[in-house]
Amino acid sequence: MNSPYSILVLRGTQVHRFVVSKKGLRQLLLAGITVVFASGVFFSDYLEAERKKVDDVIANGQAQKEKLTVLRNRAQEVQKTLVQWKGLHERIQASLPRRGEPASEREYEGEELQQFLAALQGELKEMIASLPSEWPINGQVVSGVGMRPSPWTGKMEYHAGLDIPKPIGTPVQASGDAVV
């Protein structure tokens, strides 16, 4: 049973005959299967490489989209700030005297501003003077500012000072413009 196989190829009116033994046919089929398998492996690798490229493009697109969102948000913040600055500029321009306005009105506004600044400066000096800059006496605070039981009535009441116990007659220095 070792008879060869004949393969006929017809082209137009011509006939070509190929004779293949069983062993040759097996080798030919094995070579064909090997080529198909190798092509499948190559094609699979090619598809995987293309899939990675597509994934990279998608990831890059997502990153670009996120950057665009951040830039869009930043642009909106800048736009809001610009609107605020424009509003401030308009208020400042509105408060400035117009050219051609009588000098006496501008002088009056300037004097009014000077008086306001002098009053403000006086208030600031008073505030700074009232700030304590040192302790009135060295010692441990036994009762601070806040709610506490009254030492005379025992009822809860607000205590507006600090208690630092010392012997009677110990000199105490007032801190800031405080009263001892």
C-alpha atoms as a PDB file:
ATOM      1  CA  MET A   1       0.000   0.000   0.000  1.00  0.00           C
ATOM      2  CA  ASN A   2       2.729   2.302  -0.821  1.00  0.00           C
ATOM      3  CA  SER A   3       1.102   3.647  -3.931  1.00  0.00           C
ATOM      4  CA  PRO A   4       1.829   7.269  -4.813  1.00  0.00           C
ATOM      5  CA  TYR A   5      -0.784  10.010  -4.993  1.00  0.00           C
ATOM      6  CA  SER A   6      -1.328  11.968  -8.165  1.00  0.00           C
ATOM      7  CA  ILE A   7      -2.313  15.598  -8.112  1.00  0.00           C
ATOM      8  CA  LEU A   8      -3.695  17.031 -11.333  1.00  0.00           C
ATOM      9  CA  VAL A   9      -3.639  20.748 -11.963  1.00  0.00           C
ATOM     10  CA  LEU A  10      -5.810  21.894 -14.853  1.00  0.00           C
ATOM     11  CA  ARG A  11      -5.097  25.195 -16.525  1.00  0.00           C
ATOM     12  CA  GLY A  12      -7.122  25.973 -19.559  1.00  0.00           C
ATOM     13  CA  THR A  13      -6.553  23.013 -21.850  1.00  0.00           C
ATOM     14  CA  GLN A  14      -3.270  22.023 -20.234  1.00  0.00           C
ATOM     15  CA  VAL A  15      -3.005  19.374 -17.541  1.00  0.00           C
ATOM     16  CA  HIS A  16      -0.077  19.188 -15.129  1.00  0.00           C
ATOM     17  CA  ARG A  17       0.389  16.053 -13.110  1.00  0.00           C
ATOM     18  CA  PHE A  18       2.303  15.848  -9.838  1.00  0.00           C
ATOM     19  CA  VAL A  19       3.066  12.519  -8.262  1.00  0.00           C
ATOM     20  CA  VAL A  20       3.635  12.424  -4.511  1.00  0.00           C
ATOM     21  CA  SER A  21       4.441   9.426  -2.356  1.00  0.00           C
ATOM     22  CA  LYS A  22       2.678   8.835   0.963  1.00  0.00           C
ATOM     23  CA  LYS A  23       5.826   9.867   2.793  1.00  0.00           C
ATOM     24  CA  GLY A  24       6.131  12.986   0.664  1.00  0.00           C
ATOM     25  CA  LEU A  25       2.428  13.778   1.233  1.00  0.00           C
ATOM     26  CA  ARG A  26       2.928  13.449   4.997  1.00  0.00           C
ATOM     27  CA  GLN A  27       5.938  15.735   4.830  1.00  0.00           C
ATOM     28  CA  LEU A  28       3.993  18.205   2.698  1.00  0.00           C
ATOM     29  CA  LEU A  29       1.045  18.165   5.166  1.00  0.00           C
ATOM     30  CA  LEU A  30       3.447  18.530   8.119  1.00  0.00           C
ATOM     31  CA  ALA A  31       5.148  21.483   6.416  1.00  0.00           C
ATOM     32  CA  GLY A  32       1.729  23.045   5.716  1.00  0.00           C
ATOM     33  CA  ILE A  33       0.606  22.586   9.323  1.00  0.00           C
ATOM     34  CA  THR A  34       3.939  24.036  10.525  1.00  0.00           C
ATOM     35  CA  VAL A  35       3.519  27.068   8.239  1.00  0.00           C
ATOM     36  CA  VAL A  36      -0.079  27.580   9.445  1.00  0.00           C
ATOM     37  CA  PHE A  37       0.994  27.243  13.109  1.00  0.00           C
ATOM     38  CA  ALA A  38       3.983  29.590  12.667  1.00  0.00           C
ATOM     39  CA  SER A  39       1.738  32.077  10.874  1.00  0.00           C
ATOM     40  CA  GLY A  40      -0.751  31.858  13.754  1.00  0.00           C
ATOM     41  CA  VAL A  41       1.986  32.508  16.334  1.00  0.00           C
ATOM     42  CA  PHE A  42       3.370  35.419  14.298  1.00  0.00           C
ATOM     43  CA  PHE A  43      -0.110  36.857  13.755  1.00  0.00           C
ATOM     44  CA  SER A  44      -0.909  36.457  17.477  1.00  0.00           C
ATOM     45  CA  ASP A  45       2.295  38.321  18.413  1.00  0.00           C
ATOM     46  CA  TYR A  46       1.483  40.981  15.832  1.00  0.00           C
ATOM     47  CA  LEU A  47      -2.049  41.390  17.244  1.00  0.00           C
ATOM     48  CA  GLU A  48      -0.665  41.625  20.799  1.00  0.00           C
ATOM     49  CA  ALA A  49       1.817  44.329  19.732  1.00  0.00           C
ATOM     50  CA  GLU A  50      -0.976  46.243  17.988  1.00  0.00           C
ATOM     51  CA  ARG A  51      -3.218  45.851  21.050  1.00  0.00           C
ATOM     52  CA  LYS A  52      -0.428  47.318  23.224  1.00  0.00           C
ATOM     53  CA  LYS A  53      -0.112  50.239  20.803  1.00  0.00           C
ATOM     54  CA  VAL A  54      -3.864  50.837  20.984  1.00  0.00           C
ATOM     55  CA  ASP A  55      -3.767  50.648  24.806  1.00  0.00           C
ATOM     56  CA  ASP A  56      -0.876  53.140  24.852  1.00  0.00           C
ATOM     57  CA  VAL A  57      -2.779  55.497  22.553  1.00  0.00           C
ATOM     58  CA  ILE A  58      -5.877  55.211  24.774  1.00  0.00           C
ATOM     59  CA  ALA A  59      -3.823  55.838  27.951  1.00  0.00           C
ATOM     60  CA  ASN A  60      -2.083  58.791  26.292  1.00  0.00           C
ATOM     61  CA  GLY A  61      -5.447  60.152  25.180  1.00  0.00           C
ATOM     62  CA  GLN A  62      -6.812  59.794  28.722  1.00  0.00           C
ATOM     63  CA  ALA A  63      -3.757  61.596  30.154  1.00  0.00           C
ATOM     64  CA  GLN A  64      -4.188  64.370  27.580  1.00  0.00           C
ATOM     65  CA  LYS A  65      -7.871  64.606  28.478  1.00  0.00           C
ATOM     66  CA  GLU A  66      -7.009  64.955  32.187  1.00  0.00           C
ATOM     67  CA  LYS A  67      -4.390  67.623  31.397  1.00  0.00           C
ATOM     68  CA  LEU A  68      -6.948  69.453  29.286  1.00  0.00           C
ATOM     69  CA  THR A  69      -9.449  69.335  32.161  1.00  0.00           C
ATOM     70  CA  VAL A  70      -6.829  70.723  34.571  1.00  0.00           C
ATOM     71  CA  LEU A  71      -5.936  73.474  32.094  1.00  0.00           C
ATOM     72  CA  ARG A  72      -9.603  74.278  31.511  1.00  0.00           C
ATOM     73  CA  ASN A  73     -10.196  74.562  35.289  1.00  0.00           C
ATOM     74  CA  ARG A  74      -7.103  76.753  35.653  1.00  0.00           C
ATOM     75  CA  ALA A  75      -8.301  78.970  32.799  1.00  0.00           C
ATOM     76  CA  GLN A  76     -11.657  79.366  34.557  1.00  0.00           C
ATOM     77  CA  GLU A  77      -9.878  80.331  37.794  1.00  0.00           C
ATOM     78  CA  VAL A  78      -7.768  82.877  35.919  1.00  0.00           C
ATOM     79  CA  GLN A  79     -10.911  84.222  34.246  1.00  0.00           C
ATOM     80  CA  LYS A  80     -12.642  84.620  37.639  1.00  0.00           C
ATOM     81  CA  THR A  81      -9.579  86.374  39.068  1.00  0.00           C
ATOM     82  CA  LEU A  82      -9.463  88.663  36.045  1.00  0.00           C
ATOM     83  CA  VAL A  83     -13.132  89.563  36.528  1.00  0.00           C
ATOM     84  CA  GLN A  84     -12.436  90.314  40.213  1.00  0.00           C
ATOM     85  CA  TRP A  85      -9.466  92.503  39.284  1.00  0.00           C
ATOM     86  CA  LYS A  86     -11.532  94.331  36.686  1.00  0.00           C
ATOM     87  CA  GLY A  87     -14.221  94.972  39.307  1.00  0.00           C
ATOM     88  CA  LEU A  88     -11.610  96.263  41.748  1.00  0.00           C
ATOM     89  CA  HIS A  89     -10.115  98.459  39.034  1.00  0.00           C
ATOM     90  CA  GLU A  90     -13.542  99.890  38.235  1.00  0.00           C
ATOM     91  CA  ARG A  91     -14.216 100.636  41.926  1.00  0.00           C
ATOM     92  CA  ILE A  92     -10.839 102.340  42.267  1.00  0.00           C
ATOM     93  CA  GLN A  93     -11.416 104.356  39.095  1.00  0.00           C
ATOM     94  CA  ALA A  94     -14.856 105.354  40.342  1.00  0.00           C
ATOM     95  CA  SER A  95     -13.404 106.568  43.645  1.00  0.00           C
ATOM     96  CA  LEU A  96     -10.719 108.705  41.976  1.00  0.00           C
ATOM     97  CA  PRO A  97     -11.556 112.336  41.147  1.00  0.00           C
ATOM     98  CA  ARG A  98     -12.302 112.971  37.514  1.00  0.00           C
ATOM     99  CA  ARG A  99     -10.162 115.320  35.499  1.00  0.00           C
ATOM    100  CA  GLY A 100     -11.696 118.716  35.317  1.00  0.00           C
ATOM    101  CA  GLU A 101     -13.402 118.298  38.694  1.00  0.00           C
ATOM    102  CA  PRO A 102     -13.070 121.481  40.794  1.00  0.00           C
ATOM    103  CA  ALA A 103      -9.914 121.518  42.916  1.00  0.00           C
ATOM    104  CA  SER A 104     -11.841 122.518  46.033  1.00  0.00           C
ATOM    105  CA  GLU A 105     -13.823 119.234  45.980  1.00  0.00           C
ATOM    106  CA  ARG A 106     -10.638 117.222  45.593  1.00  0.00           C
ATOM    107  CA  GLU A 107      -8.994 119.165  48.411  1.00  0.00           C
ATOM    108  CA  TYR A 108     -12.011 118.510  50.639  1.00  0.00           C
ATOM    109  CA  GLU A 109     -11.845 114.771  49.881  1.00  0.00           C
ATOM    110  CA  GLY A 110      -8.095 114.807  50.592  1.00  0.00           C
ATOM    111  CA  GLU A 111      -8.622 116.546  53.941  1.00  0.00           C
ATOM    112  CA  GLU A 112     -11.376 114.078  54.803  1.00  0.00           C
ATOM    113  CA  LEU A 113      -9.035 111.206  53.972  1.00  0.00           C
ATOM    114  CA  GLN A 114      -6.261 112.740  56.118  1.00  0.00           C
ATOM    115  CA  GLN A 115      -8.659 113.026  59.073  1.00  0.00           C
ATOM    116  CA  PHE A 116      -9.769 109.428  58.624  1.00  0.00           C
ATOM    117  CA  LEU A 117      -6.152 108.207  58.490  1.00  0.00           C
ATOM    118  CA  ALA A 118      -5.240 110.226  61.607  1.00  0.00           C
ATOM    119  CA  ALA A 119      -8.197 108.726  63.513  1.00  0.00           C
ATOM    120  CA  LEU A 120      -7.239 105.251  62.341  1.00  0.00           C
ATOM    121  CA  GLN A 121      -3.630 105.811  63.418  1.00  0.00           C
ATOM    122  CA  GLY A 122      -4.817 106.896  66.880  1.00  0.00           C
ATOM    123  CA  GLU A 123      -6.943 103.763  67.237  1.00  0.00           C
ATOM    124  CA  LEU A 124      -4.007 101.592  66.194  1.00  0.00           C
ATOM    125  CA  LYS A 125      -1.744 103.238  68.786  1.00  0.00           C
ATOM    126  CA  GLU A 126      -4.365 102.571  71.476  1.00  0.00           C
ATOM    127  CA  MET A 127      -4.696  98.953  70.388  1.00  0.00           C
ATOM    128  CA  ILE A 128      -0.921  98.428  70.408  1.00  0.00           C
ATOM    129  CA  ALA A 129      -0.597 100.062  73.832  1.00  0.00           C
ATOM    130  CA  SER A 130      -3.273  97.746  75.235  1.00  0.00           C
ATOM    131  CA  LEU A 131      -1.475  94.595  74.081  1.00  0.00           C
ATOM    132  CA  PRO A 132       0.380  92.949  76.973  1.00  0.00           C
ATOM    133  CA  SER A 133       4.074  92.669  76.209  1.00  0.00           C
ATOM    134  CA  GLU A 134       5.261  90.954  79.422  1.00  0.00           C
ATOM    135  CA  TRP A 135       3.965  89.126  82.501  1.00  0.00           C
ATOM    136  CA  PRO A 136       3.038  91.326  85.471  1.00  0.00           C
ATOM    137  CA  ILE A 137       4.827  88.963  87.863  1.00  0.00           C
ATOM    138  CA  ASN A 138       6.604  85.610  87.711  1.00  0.00           C
ATOM    139  CA  GLY A 139       4.494  82.706  88.896  1.00  0.00           C
ATOM    140  CA  GLN A 140       2.003  79.983  88.024  1.00  0.00           C
ATOM    141  CA  VAL A 141      -1.478  80.914  86.773  1.00  0.00           C
ATOM    142  CA  VAL A 142      -4.018  79.212  89.061  1.00  0.00           C
ATOM    143  CA  SER A 143      -7.164  80.658  87.463  1.00  0.00           C
ATOM    144  CA  GLY A 144      -7.486  81.920  83.900  1.00  0.00           C
ATOM    145  CA  VAL A 145     -10.016  83.932  81.946  1.00  0.00           C
ATOM    146  CA  GLY A 146     -13.410  82.249  81.601  1.00  0.00           C
ATOM    147  CA  MET A 147     -16.245  80.687  83.576  1.00  0.00           C
ATOM    148  CA  ARG A 148     -15.422  79.510  87.118  1.00  0.00           C
ATOM    149  CA  PRO A 149     -17.076  79.143  90.535  1.00  0.00           C
ATOM    150  CA  SER A 150     -16.948  82.483  92.359  1.00  0.00           C
ATOM    151  CA  PRO A 151     -14.696  82.342  95.463  1.00  0.00           C
ATOM    152  CA  TRP A 152     -17.279  84.501  97.345  1.00  0.00           C
ATOM    153  CA  THR A 153     -20.663  83.108  96.200  1.00  0.00           C
ATOM    154  CA  GLY A 154     -19.757  79.655  94.834  1.00  0.00           C
ATOM    155  CA  LYS A 155     -21.919  80.330  91.736  1.00  0.00           C
ATOM    156  CA  MET A 156     -20.536  80.031  88.191  1.00  0.00           C
ATOM    157  CA  GLU A 157     -19.554  83.420  86.783  1.00  0.00           C
ATOM    158  CA  TYR A 158     -17.210  84.910  84.205  1.00  0.00           C
ATOM    159  CA  HIS A 159     -13.685  85.731  85.423  1.00  0.00           C
ATOM    160  CA  ALA A 160     -12.009  88.407  83.262  1.00  0.00           C
ATOM    161  CA  GLY A 161      -8.447  88.138  84.544  1.00  0.00           C
ATOM    162  CA  LEU A 162      -5.585  85.851  85.528  1.00  0.00           C
ATOM    163  CA  ASP A 163      -4.877  84.835  89.125  1.00  0.00           C
ATOM    164  CA  ILE A 164      -1.186  84.434  90.014  1.00  0.00           C
ATOM    165  CA  PRO A 165      -0.826  83.892  93.805  1.00  0.00           C
ATOM    166  CA  LYS A 166       1.958  85.820  95.632  1.00  0.00           C
ATOM    167  CA  PRO A 167       2.442  87.045  99.214  1.00  0.00           C
ATOM    168  CA  ILE A 168       0.753  90.329 100.159  1.00  0.00           C
ATOM    169  CA  GLY A 169       2.950  93.314  99.356  1.00  0.00           C
ATOM    170  CA  THR A 170       4.748  91.684  96.402  1.00  0.00           C
ATOM    171  CA  PRO A 171       5.266  94.395  93.738  1.00  0.00           C
ATOM    172  CA  VAL A 172       3.249  93.794  90.536  1.00  0.00           C
ATOM    173  CA  GLN A 173       3.868  95.593  87.228  1.00  0.00           C
ATOM    174  CA  ALA A 174       0.898  96.327  84.935  1.00  0.00           C
ATOM    175  CA  SER A 175       1.248  94.739  81.500  1.00  0.00           C
ATOM    176  CA  GLY A 176       0.318  96.991  78.550  1.00  0.00           C
ATOM    177  CA  ASP A 177      -2.371  99.470  79.656  1.00  0.00           C
ATOM    178  CA  ALA A 178      -3.889  96.917  82.058  1.00  0.00           C
ATOM    179  CA  VAL A 179      -4.945  97.665  85.617  1.00  0.00           C
ATOM    180  CA  VAL A 180      -3.587  95.715  88.583  1.00  0.00           C
END
